Amino acid sequence: MTDHLGSCLCGTVKFEVQGDFDSFYLCHCRHCQKDTGSAHAANLFSQSAKLTWKSGADAVTSFTLQGTLHSKSFCKLCGSALPNTQIPGLLVVPAGCLDTKVSISPTAHIFTSNKAAWDAELGEVPKFEGLPE
């Protein structure tokens, strides 16, 4: 069993996930594009891991898009995505909020029929270690 630590951008919310992740999906659906402001969401899923809020639990809020299963939890102060337990029996953890190494590689890209048009050639885009001059 693996322990993972994570936090929000402002540091108000800290959490621990005890257990292993079952899958790691890069979701390209329109809902994930909207709520991440990016090409896709990167979420870890577990049906057995346990989430414990270490601090800032009162700063965590959730949103579920009406008529869908799409939901997200986030810090009320900085807006950072946080683990979500809105679907009973399923823990969804945004990979970017973890402070510890993720040992599982992405399982699959999902909802690729909705992939952003500008996402097609990302492998060809120049890469910089920091902000370009």
Protein backbone atom coordinates (compact mmCIF):
# COMPACT_ATOMS: atom_id res chain seq x y z
CA MET A 1 0.00 0.00 0.00
CA THR A 2 1.26 3.47 -0.91
CA ASP A 3 0.81 6.78 0.88
CA HIS A 4 0.54 10.01 -1.11
CA LEU A 5 0.61 13.56 0.21
CA GLY A 6 -0.87 16.54 -1.54
CA SER A 7 -1.90 20.15 -1.16
CA CYS A 8 -3.46 23.14 -2.86
CA LEU A 9 -1.49 26.00 -4.41
CA CYS A 10 -1.85 28.35 -1.42
CA GLY A 11 -1.02 25.58 1.09
CA THR A 12 -4.24 25.94 3.09
CA VAL A 13 -5.46 22.43 2.20
CA LYS A 14 -3.25 19.43 2.87
CA PHE A 15 -4.29 15.80 2.51
CA GLU A 16 -3.09 12.21 2.54
CA VAL A 17 -4.21 9.34 0.33
CA GLN A 18 -3.52 5.88 1.73
CA GLY A 19 -3.69 3.11 -0.83
CA ASP A 20 -3.06 2.45 -4.47
CA PHE A 21 -4.55 3.97 -7.58
CA ASP A 22 -6.40 1.68 -10.02
CA SER A 23 -6.08 3.90 -13.09
CA PHE A 24 -4.74 7.22 -14.35
CA TYR A 25 -6.81 8.80 -17.13
CA LEU A 26 -6.10 11.83 -19.28
CA CYS A 27 -9.63 13.00 -20.01
CA HIS A 28 -10.25 15.15 -23.08
CA CYS A 29 -14.01 15.66 -22.58
CA ARG A 30 -15.40 19.20 -22.93
CA HIS A 31 -16.22 19.35 -19.20
CA CYS A 32 -12.62 18.58 -18.19
CA GLN A 33 -11.30 21.09 -20.73
CA LYS A 34 -13.55 23.79 -19.25
CA ASP A 35 -12.80 23.12 -15.60
CA THR A 36 -9.03 22.77 -16.06
CA GLY A 37 -8.64 25.46 -18.72
CA SER A 38 -6.36 23.04 -20.54
CA ALA A 39 -6.35 20.29 -23.16
CA HIS A 40 -7.28 17.57 -20.67
CA ALA A 41 -7.58 16.63 -17.03
CA ALA A 42 -5.09 14.21 -15.47
CA ASN A 43 -6.93 12.23 -12.79
CA LEU A 44 -6.02 9.21 -10.69
CA PHE A 45 -8.85 6.84 -9.69
CA SER A 46 -9.15 4.42 -6.78
CA GLN A 47 -11.97 2.32 -5.39
CA SER A 48 -10.02 1.35 -2.26
CA ALA A 49 -7.69 4.23 -1.26
CA LYS A 50 -8.64 6.36 1.74
CA LEU A 51 -8.55 10.16 1.78
CA THR A 52 -7.70 12.09 4.97
CA TRP A 53 -7.76 15.88 5.10
CA LYS A 54 -4.74 16.96 7.19
CA SER A 55 -5.60 20.68 7.21
CA GLY A 56 -7.95 23.10 5.55
CA ALA A 57 -10.92 20.74 5.16
CA ASP A 58 -13.23 23.73 5.68
CA ALA A 59 -11.66 25.39 2.61
CA VAL A 60 -12.65 22.49 0.32
CA THR A 61 -15.77 22.91 -1.76
CA SER A 62 -17.26 20.84 -4.57
CA PHE A 63 -19.20 21.43 -7.75
CA THR A 64 -21.21 18.91 -9.76
CA LEU A 65 -22.39 19.87 -13.23
CA GLN A 66 -26.17 19.42 -13.21
CA GLY A 67 -27.37 16.43 -15.21
CA THR A 68 -23.91 14.83 -15.40
CA LEU A 69 -21.48 12.78 -13.32
CA HIS A 70 -18.87 15.51 -13.81
CA SER A 71 -17.78 16.92 -10.46
CA LYS A 72 -14.73 18.52 -8.97
CA SER A 73 -13.48 19.60 -5.58
CA PHE A 74 -11.28 22.63 -5.11
CA CYS A 75 -9.83 25.08 -2.57
CA LYS A 76 -12.17 28.03 -1.93
CA LEU A 77 -9.15 30.33 -1.50
CA CYS A 78 -6.89 29.56 -4.48
CA GLY A 79 -9.12 27.44 -6.75
CA SER A 80 -6.70 24.49 -6.93
CA ALA A 81 -8.23 21.16 -7.90
CA LEU A 82 -8.39 18.68 -5.01
CA PRO A 83 -9.45 15.05 -4.43
CA ASN A 84 -13.09 14.33 -5.05
CA THR A 85 -15.39 11.75 -3.45
CA GLN A 86 -18.64 12.89 -5.09
CA ILE A 87 -19.20 9.49 -6.75
CA PRO A 88 -19.82 6.94 -3.98
CA GLY A 89 -17.06 4.33 -3.74
CA LEU A 90 -14.69 6.25 -6.02
CA LEU A 91 -11.83 8.57 -5.10
CA VAL A 92 -10.68 10.86 -7.93
CA VAL A 93 -7.38 12.67 -7.36
CA PRO A 94 -6.08 15.33 -9.76
CA ALA A 95 -2.49 14.20 -10.38
CA GLY A 96 -1.12 17.74 -10.23
CA CYS A 97 -2.20 18.30 -6.61
CA LEU A 98 0.03 15.51 -5.31
CA ASP A 99 3.31 16.51 -3.66
CA THR A 100 4.67 12.96 -3.73
CA LYS A 101 5.72 11.01 -6.79
CA VAL A 102 3.03 9.22 -8.79
CA SER A 103 4.30 5.72 -9.55
CA ILE A 104 1.56 4.78 -12.01
CA SER A 105 1.84 5.91 -15.64
CA PRO A 106 -1.22 7.20 -17.47
CA THR A 107 -3.53 4.31 -18.32
CA ALA A 108 -5.23 5.92 -21.31
CA HIS A 109 -6.44 9.06 -23.02
CA ILE A 110 -10.25 9.09 -22.82
CA PHE A 111 -12.96 11.06 -24.67
CA THR A 112 -10.47 11.77 -27.45
CA SER A 113 -13.32 12.54 -29.86
CA ASN A 114 -13.52 15.89 -28.01
CA LYS A 115 -9.77 16.53 -28.10
CA ALA A 116 -8.88 20.23 -28.52
CA ALA A 117 -7.80 21.03 -32.08
CA TRP A 118 -4.58 22.65 -30.82
CA ASP A 119 -3.67 19.47 -28.88
CA ALA A 120 -2.83 17.48 -32.03
CA GLU A 121 0.74 18.71 -32.53
CA LEU A 122 1.90 19.31 -28.95
CA GLY A 123 4.82 16.91 -29.34
CA GLU A 124 6.23 19.21 -32.04
CA VAL A 125 6.10 22.43 -29.96
CA PRO A 126 9.48 23.79 -28.72
CA LYS A 127 10.33 22.97 -25.10
CA PHE A 128 11.97 25.26 -22.52
CA GLU A 129 13.06 24.41 -18.95
CA GLY A 130 11.64 27.75 -17.77
CA LEU A 131 9.97 30.86 -19.17
CA PRO A 132 11.45 31.64 -22.61
CA GLU A 133 13.25 34.97 -23.00
